[in-house]
Amino acid sequence: MLYFILSILIIIQLFTLLKVISFREKEKKSEDIIEKYKDVTLIAKIPKDVTYYDIEPNYDTFYNFMENIKLEDWKAEVSEERSVYNSTWDIKIKSHDGKSKMSVRLRDYDDGDGVLLLTCTITAGDASLSINKEDAIAKDVILFTWNYIIEYYDNKSKEYEAYWKENIDKINNQLKTFNRSKRLNDILK
């Protein structure tokens, strides 16, 4: 019985030894394959995507577009969205023939950081270019479109002023007794 157990132990030891040897050979083959793949990394890298900034780093087309808007005095439509945390303005400036436009979205987060350019797209026919807050021209676009926002609020204030004056006049005209007394006092003076 002892010989039987010893022979089983010897067979198990041999089997384990063969497995270890086999494992070492596979590991060595794996290292050879990995070495080959390491050499493959020497191939040329895929080029990065080309952006508008790569072609026109000075944003000349955007500046020319804005200058043309001033020269031709394009009209703008401004809409406003307010929430507890921010104010957002959409400015759409269209050419007189309607074929070209500039669409800008600005946001003020009321946190003291000022106004940010979310998006700006210029379109002429079926061609368009876009920029956002990371682009160097963003501040110039904000300054350019801010005049339209000021004009929007000036017009809104004028409408409110006209509304309030009209209501005040209507109410004062309804005060018959007061108006009669006032006229009588003016005559007596």
C-alpha atoms as a PDB file:
ATOM      1  CA  MET A   1       0.000   0.000   0.000  1.00  0.00           C
ATOM      2  CA  LEU A   2       2.868   2.311   0.784  1.00  0.00           C
ATOM      3  CA  TYR A   3       4.338   1.690  -2.684  1.00  0.00           C
ATOM      4  CA  PHE A   4       1.035   2.512  -4.231  1.00  0.00           C
ATOM      5  CA  ILE A   5       0.818   5.897  -2.433  1.00  0.00           C
ATOM      6  CA  LEU A   6       4.438   6.675  -3.289  1.00  0.00           C
ATOM      7  CA  SER A   7       3.883   5.901  -6.946  1.00  0.00           C
ATOM      8  CA  ILE A   8       0.778   8.157  -7.044  1.00  0.00           C
ATOM      9  CA  LEU A   9       2.774  10.958  -5.424  1.00  0.00           C
ATOM     10  CA  ILE A  10       5.565  10.519  -7.976  1.00  0.00           C
ATOM     11  CA  ILE A  11       3.072  10.625 -10.845  1.00  0.00           C
ATOM     12  CA  ILE A  12       1.474  13.793  -9.444  1.00  0.00           C
ATOM     13  CA  GLN A  13       4.927  15.407  -9.060  1.00  0.00           C
ATOM     14  CA  LEU A  14       5.816  14.533 -12.665  1.00  0.00           C
ATOM     15  CA  PHE A  15       2.499  15.864 -13.915  1.00  0.00           C
ATOM     16  CA  THR A  16       3.037  19.140 -11.991  1.00  0.00           C
ATOM     17  CA  LEU A  17       6.579  19.448 -13.328  1.00  0.00           C
ATOM     18  CA  LEU A  18       5.336  19.001 -16.909  1.00  0.00           C
ATOM     19  CA  LYS A  19       2.684  21.664 -16.379  1.00  0.00           C
ATOM     20  CA  VAL A  20       5.238  24.138 -15.009  1.00  0.00           C
ATOM     21  CA  ILE A  21       7.554  23.486 -17.958  1.00  0.00           C
ATOM     22  CA  SER A  22       4.659  23.908 -20.378  1.00  0.00           C
ATOM     23  CA  PHE A  23       3.595  27.116 -18.662  1.00  0.00           C
ATOM     24  CA  ARG A  24       7.146  28.531 -18.886  1.00  0.00           C
ATOM     25  CA  GLU A  25       7.279  27.783 -22.606  1.00  0.00           C
ATOM     26  CA  LYS A  26       3.933  29.504 -23.193  1.00  0.00           C
ATOM     27  CA  GLU A  27       5.041  32.482 -21.147  1.00  0.00           C
ATOM     28  CA  LYS A  28       8.226  32.748 -23.234  1.00  0.00           C
ATOM     29  CA  LYS A  29       6.172  32.603 -26.452  1.00  0.00           C
ATOM     30  CA  SER A  30       3.901  35.320 -25.052  1.00  0.00           C
ATOM     31  CA  GLU A  31       6.919  37.507 -24.350  1.00  0.00           C
ATOM     32  CA  ASP A  32       8.106  36.990 -27.926  1.00  0.00           C
ATOM     33  CA  ILE A  33       4.681  38.045 -29.232  1.00  0.00           C
ATOM     34  CA  ILE A  34       4.618  41.078 -26.952  1.00  0.00           C
ATOM     35  CA  GLU A  35       8.068  42.073 -28.221  1.00  0.00           C
ATOM     36  CA  LYS A  36       6.767  41.914 -31.778  1.00  0.00           C
ATOM     37  CA  TYR A  37       3.781  44.110 -30.873  1.00  0.00           C
ATOM     38  CA  LYS A  38       6.072  46.596 -29.185  1.00  0.00           C
ATOM     39  CA  ASP A  39       7.850  46.998 -32.528  1.00  0.00           C
ATOM     40  CA  VAL A  40       4.538  47.723 -34.224  1.00  0.00           C
ATOM     41  CA  THR A  41       4.141  50.921 -32.192  1.00  0.00           C
ATOM     42  CA  LEU A  42       6.793  52.457 -34.394  1.00  0.00           C
ATOM     43  CA  ILE A  43       4.306  52.909 -37.251  1.00  0.00           C
ATOM     44  CA  ALA A  44       3.159  56.421 -38.105  1.00  0.00           C
ATOM     45  CA  LYS A  45       0.557  57.935 -35.814  1.00  0.00           C
ATOM     46  CA  ILE A  46      -2.894  58.798 -37.073  1.00  0.00           C
ATOM     47  CA  PRO A  47      -3.011  62.568 -37.662  1.00  0.00           C
ATOM     48  CA  LYS A  48      -5.279  64.655 -35.433  1.00  0.00           C
ATOM     49  CA  ASP A  49      -8.497  66.086 -36.828  1.00  0.00           C
ATOM     50  CA  VAL A  50      -8.159  69.396 -38.625  1.00  0.00           C
ATOM     51  CA  THR A  51     -10.240  72.214 -37.134  1.00  0.00           C
ATOM     52  CA  TYR A  52     -11.311  75.623 -38.385  1.00  0.00           C
ATOM     53  CA  TYR A  53      -8.633  77.176 -36.163  1.00  0.00           C
ATOM     54  CA  ASP A  54      -5.926  75.107 -37.922  1.00  0.00           C
ATOM     55  CA  ILE A  55      -6.912  76.583 -41.284  1.00  0.00           C
ATOM     56  CA  GLU A  56      -7.613  80.162 -40.170  1.00  0.00           C
ATOM     57  CA  PRO A  57      -5.952  80.851 -36.791  1.00  0.00           C
ATOM     58  CA  ASN A  58      -6.753  84.594 -36.947  1.00  0.00           C
ATOM     59  CA  TYR A  59     -10.503  84.024 -37.450  1.00  0.00           C
ATOM     60  CA  ASP A  60     -10.450  86.411 -40.418  1.00  0.00           C
ATOM     61  CA  THR A  61     -13.739  85.124 -41.827  1.00  0.00           C
ATOM     62  CA  PHE A  62     -15.546  85.778 -38.533  1.00  0.00           C
ATOM     63  CA  TYR A  63     -14.097  89.304 -38.258  1.00  0.00           C
ATOM     64  CA  ASN A  64     -14.999  90.045 -41.898  1.00  0.00           C
ATOM     65  CA  PHE A  65     -18.522  88.737 -41.297  1.00  0.00           C
ATOM     66  CA  MET A  66     -18.999  90.976 -38.239  1.00  0.00           C
ATOM     67  CA  GLU A  67     -17.608  93.981 -40.117  1.00  0.00           C
ATOM     68  CA  ASN A  68     -20.082  93.320 -42.937  1.00  0.00           C
ATOM     69  CA  ILE A  69     -22.948  93.209 -40.412  1.00  0.00           C
ATOM     70  CA  LYS A  70     -21.958  96.697 -39.210  1.00  0.00           C
ATOM     71  CA  LEU A  71     -21.516  98.090 -42.717  1.00  0.00           C
ATOM     72  CA  GLU A  72     -24.888  96.818 -43.952  1.00  0.00           C
ATOM     73  CA  ASP A  73     -26.664  97.510 -40.617  1.00  0.00           C
ATOM     74  CA  TRP A  74     -28.283  94.086 -40.306  1.00  0.00           C
ATOM     75  CA  LYS A  75     -31.175  93.789 -37.889  1.00  0.00           C
ATOM     76  CA  ALA A  76     -31.070  91.519 -34.872  1.00  0.00           C
ATOM     77  CA  GLU A  77     -33.628  89.542 -32.920  1.00  0.00           C
ATOM     78  CA  VAL A  78     -32.808  89.014 -29.262  1.00  0.00           C
ATOM     79  CA  SER A  79     -34.584  86.579 -26.965  1.00  0.00           C
ATOM     80  CA  GLU A  80     -33.938  86.111 -23.295  1.00  0.00           C
ATOM     81  CA  GLU A  81     -34.291  83.224 -20.860  1.00  0.00           C
ATOM     82  CA  ARG A  82     -33.932  83.863 -17.146  1.00  0.00           C
ATOM     83  CA  SER A  83     -33.673  81.389 -14.336  1.00  0.00           C
ATOM     84  CA  VAL A  84     -32.622  81.570 -10.724  1.00  0.00           C
ATOM     85  CA  TYR A  85     -29.036  80.678 -11.651  1.00  0.00           C
ATOM     86  CA  ASN A  86     -28.391  82.366 -14.983  1.00  0.00           C
ATOM     87  CA  SER A  87     -29.521  84.558 -17.841  1.00  0.00           C
ATOM     88  CA  THR A  88     -29.237  83.370 -21.424  1.00  0.00           C
ATOM     89  CA  TRP A  89     -29.572  85.419 -24.590  1.00  0.00           C
ATOM     90  CA  ASP A  90     -30.037  84.196 -28.145  1.00  0.00           C
ATOM     91  CA  ILE A  91     -29.065  86.772 -30.762  1.00  0.00           C
ATOM     92  CA  LYS A  92     -29.960  86.136 -34.386  1.00  0.00           C
ATOM     93  CA  ILE A  93     -28.623  88.711 -36.847  1.00  0.00           C
ATOM     94  CA  LYS A  94     -29.864  88.319 -40.419  1.00  0.00           C
ATOM     95  CA  SER A  95     -28.862  89.964 -43.680  1.00  0.00           C
ATOM     96  CA  HIS A  96     -31.460  92.014 -45.517  1.00  0.00           C
ATOM     97  CA  ASP A  97     -31.883  89.288 -48.136  1.00  0.00           C
ATOM     98  CA  GLY A  98     -32.060  86.581 -45.444  1.00  0.00           C
ATOM     99  CA  LYS A  99     -29.295  84.471 -47.016  1.00  0.00           C
ATOM    100  CA  SER A 100     -26.681  85.123 -44.354  1.00  0.00           C
ATOM    101  CA  LYS A 101     -26.988  85.109 -40.574  1.00  0.00           C
ATOM    102  CA  MET A 102     -25.092  85.042 -37.335  1.00  0.00           C
ATOM    103  CA  SER A 103     -26.517  83.083 -34.404  1.00  0.00           C
ATOM    104  CA  VAL A 104     -25.008  83.664 -30.967  1.00  0.00           C
ATOM    105  CA  ARG A 105     -25.889  82.225 -27.557  1.00  0.00           C
ATOM    106  CA  LEU A 106     -24.521  83.992 -24.461  1.00  0.00           C
ATOM    107  CA  ARG A 107     -24.925  83.097 -20.796  1.00  0.00           C
ATOM    108  CA  ASP A 108     -24.304  84.890 -17.521  1.00  0.00           C
ATOM    109  CA  TYR A 109     -24.213  82.477 -14.572  1.00  0.00           C
ATOM    110  CA  ASP A 110     -24.627  85.271 -11.965  1.00  0.00           C
ATOM    111  CA  ASP A 111     -21.462  84.032 -10.229  1.00  0.00           C
ATOM    112  CA  GLY A 112     -19.310  87.031 -11.025  1.00  0.00           C
ATOM    113  CA  ASP A 113     -17.353  85.379 -13.840  1.00  0.00           C
ATOM    114  CA  GLY A 114     -19.085  87.504 -16.457  1.00  0.00           C
ATOM    115  CA  VAL A 115     -20.750  86.591 -19.708  1.00  0.00           C
ATOM    116  CA  LEU A 116     -19.683  83.468 -21.604  1.00  0.00           C
ATOM    117  CA  LEU A 117     -20.064  82.632 -25.265  1.00  0.00           C
ATOM    118  CA  LEU A 118     -21.807  79.272 -25.511  1.00  0.00           C
ATOM    119  CA  THR A 119     -21.971  79.081 -29.312  1.00  0.00           C
ATOM    120  CA  CYS A 120     -21.603  81.285 -32.356  1.00  0.00           C
ATOM    121  CA  THR A 121     -22.391  80.191 -35.886  1.00  0.00           C
ATOM    122  CA  ILE A 122     -22.150  82.220 -39.065  1.00  0.00           C
ATOM    123  CA  THR A 123     -23.999  81.005 -42.122  1.00  0.00           C
ATOM    124  CA  ALA A 124     -23.842  82.172 -45.737  1.00  0.00           C
ATOM    125  CA  GLY A 125     -26.024  80.115 -48.044  1.00  0.00           C
ATOM    126  CA  ASP A 126     -25.338  76.476 -47.194  1.00  0.00           C
ATOM    127  CA  ALA A 127     -21.854  77.093 -45.701  1.00  0.00           C
ATOM    128  CA  SER A 128     -21.361  77.627 -41.981  1.00  0.00           C
ATOM    129  CA  LEU A 129     -18.618  77.988 -39.379  1.00  0.00           C
ATOM    130  CA  SER A 130     -18.917  77.668 -35.599  1.00  0.00           C
ATOM    131  CA  ILE A 131     -16.906  78.701 -32.572  1.00  0.00           C
ATOM    132  CA  ASN A 132     -17.440  78.417 -28.809  1.00  0.00           C
ATOM    133  CA  LYS A 133     -16.137  79.751 -25.499  1.00  0.00           C
ATOM    134  CA  GLU A 134     -12.692  78.119 -25.857  1.00  0.00           C
ATOM    135  CA  ASP A 135     -11.857  80.032 -29.032  1.00  0.00           C
ATOM    136  CA  ALA A 136      -9.697  83.168 -28.854  1.00  0.00           C
ATOM    137  CA  ILE A 137     -12.307  85.232 -30.693  1.00  0.00           C
ATOM    138  CA  ALA A 138     -15.004  84.552 -28.056  1.00  0.00           C
ATOM    139  CA  LYS A 139     -14.523  87.863 -26.187  1.00  0.00           C
ATOM    140  CA  ASP A 140     -14.729  89.866 -29.403  1.00  0.00           C
ATOM    141  CA  VAL A 141     -17.979  88.125 -30.358  1.00  0.00           C
ATOM    142  CA  ILE A 142     -19.427  88.887 -26.906  1.00  0.00           C
ATOM    143  CA  LEU A 143     -18.470  92.579 -27.218  1.00  0.00           C
ATOM    144  CA  PHE A 144     -19.885  92.726 -30.744  1.00  0.00           C
ATOM    145  CA  THR A 145     -23.249  91.208 -29.829  1.00  0.00           C
ATOM    146  CA  TRP A 146     -23.566  92.949 -26.448  1.00  0.00           C
ATOM    147  CA  ASN A 147     -24.678  96.148 -28.223  1.00  0.00           C
ATOM    148  CA  TYR A 148     -27.666  94.252 -29.583  1.00  0.00           C
ATOM    149  CA  ILE A 149     -28.570  93.097 -26.075  1.00  0.00           C
ATOM    150  CA  ILE A 150     -28.347  96.682 -24.758  1.00  0.00           C
ATOM    151  CA  GLU A 151     -30.571  97.833 -27.634  1.00  0.00           C
ATOM    152  CA  TYR A 152     -33.038  95.042 -26.756  1.00  0.00           C
ATOM    153  CA  TYR A 153     -33.285  96.260 -23.141  1.00  0.00           C
ATOM    154  CA  ASP A 154     -33.530  99.927 -24.232  1.00  0.00           C
ATOM    155  CA  ASN A 155     -36.461  99.065 -26.505  1.00  0.00           C
ATOM    156  CA  LYS A 156     -38.054  97.004 -23.748  1.00  0.00           C
ATOM    157  CA  SER A 157     -37.715  99.943 -21.325  1.00  0.00           C
ATOM    158  CA  LYS A 158     -39.282 102.329 -23.851  1.00  0.00           C
ATOM    159  CA  GLU A 159     -42.223  99.938 -24.283  1.00  0.00           C
ATOM    160  CA  TYR A 160     -42.696  99.726 -20.503  1.00  0.00           C
ATOM    161  CA  GLU A 161     -42.442 103.515 -20.178  1.00  0.00           C
ATOM    162  CA  ALA A 162     -45.077 104.043 -22.874  1.00  0.00           C
ATOM    163  CA  TYR A 163     -47.324 101.439 -21.222  1.00  0.00           C
ATOM    164  CA  TRP A 164     -47.046 103.022 -17.764  1.00  0.00           C
ATOM    165  CA  LYS A 165     -47.591 106.568 -19.090  1.00  0.00           C
ATOM    166  CA  GLU A 166     -50.675 105.440 -20.999  1.00  0.00           C
ATOM    167  CA  ASN A 167     -52.115 103.764 -17.888  1.00  0.00           C
ATOM    168  CA  ILE A 168     -51.336 106.791 -15.709  1.00  0.00           C
ATOM    169  CA  ASP A 169     -53.088 109.085 -18.208  1.00  0.00           C
ATOM    170  CA  LYS A 170     -56.117 106.776 -18.367  1.00  0.00           C
ATOM    171  CA  ILE A 171     -56.417 106.684 -14.581  1.00  0.00           C
ATOM    172  CA  ASN A 172     -55.928 110.427 -14.199  1.00  0.00           C
ATOM    173  CA  ASN A 173     -58.618 111.081 -16.826  1.00  0.00           C
ATOM    174  CA  GLN A 174     -61.064 109.021 -14.746  1.00  0.00           C
ATOM    175  CA  LEU A 175     -60.571 111.249 -11.678  1.00  0.00           C
ATOM    176  CA  LYS A 176     -63.402 113.680 -12.633  1.00  0.00           C
ATOM    177  CA  THR A 177     -63.903 115.280  -9.243  1.00  0.00           C
ATOM    178  CA  PHE A 178     -60.190 115.705  -8.663  1.00  0.00           C
ATOM    179  CA  ASN A 179     -59.705 117.168 -12.145  1.00  0.00           C
ATOM    180  CA  ARG A 180     -62.618 119.615 -11.680  1.00  0.00           C
ATOM    181  CA  SER A 181     -61.243 120.742  -8.340  1.00  0.00           C
ATOM    182  CA  LYS A 182     -57.783 121.160  -9.796  1.00  0.00           C
ATOM    183  CA  ARG A 183     -59.108 123.275 -12.706  1.00  0.00           C
ATOM    184  CA  LEU A 184     -61.167 125.372 -10.330  1.00  0.00           C
ATOM    185  CA  ASN A 185     -58.125 125.969  -8.121  1.00  0.00           C
ATOM    186  CA  ASP A 186     -56.051 126.918 -11.189  1.00  0.00           C
ATOM    187  CA  ILE A 187     -58.727 129.456 -12.227  1.00  0.00           C
ATOM    188  CA  LEU A 188     -58.934 130.944  -8.742  1.00  0.00           C
ATOM    189  CA  LYS A 189     -55.211 131.562  -8.497  1.00  0.00           C
END
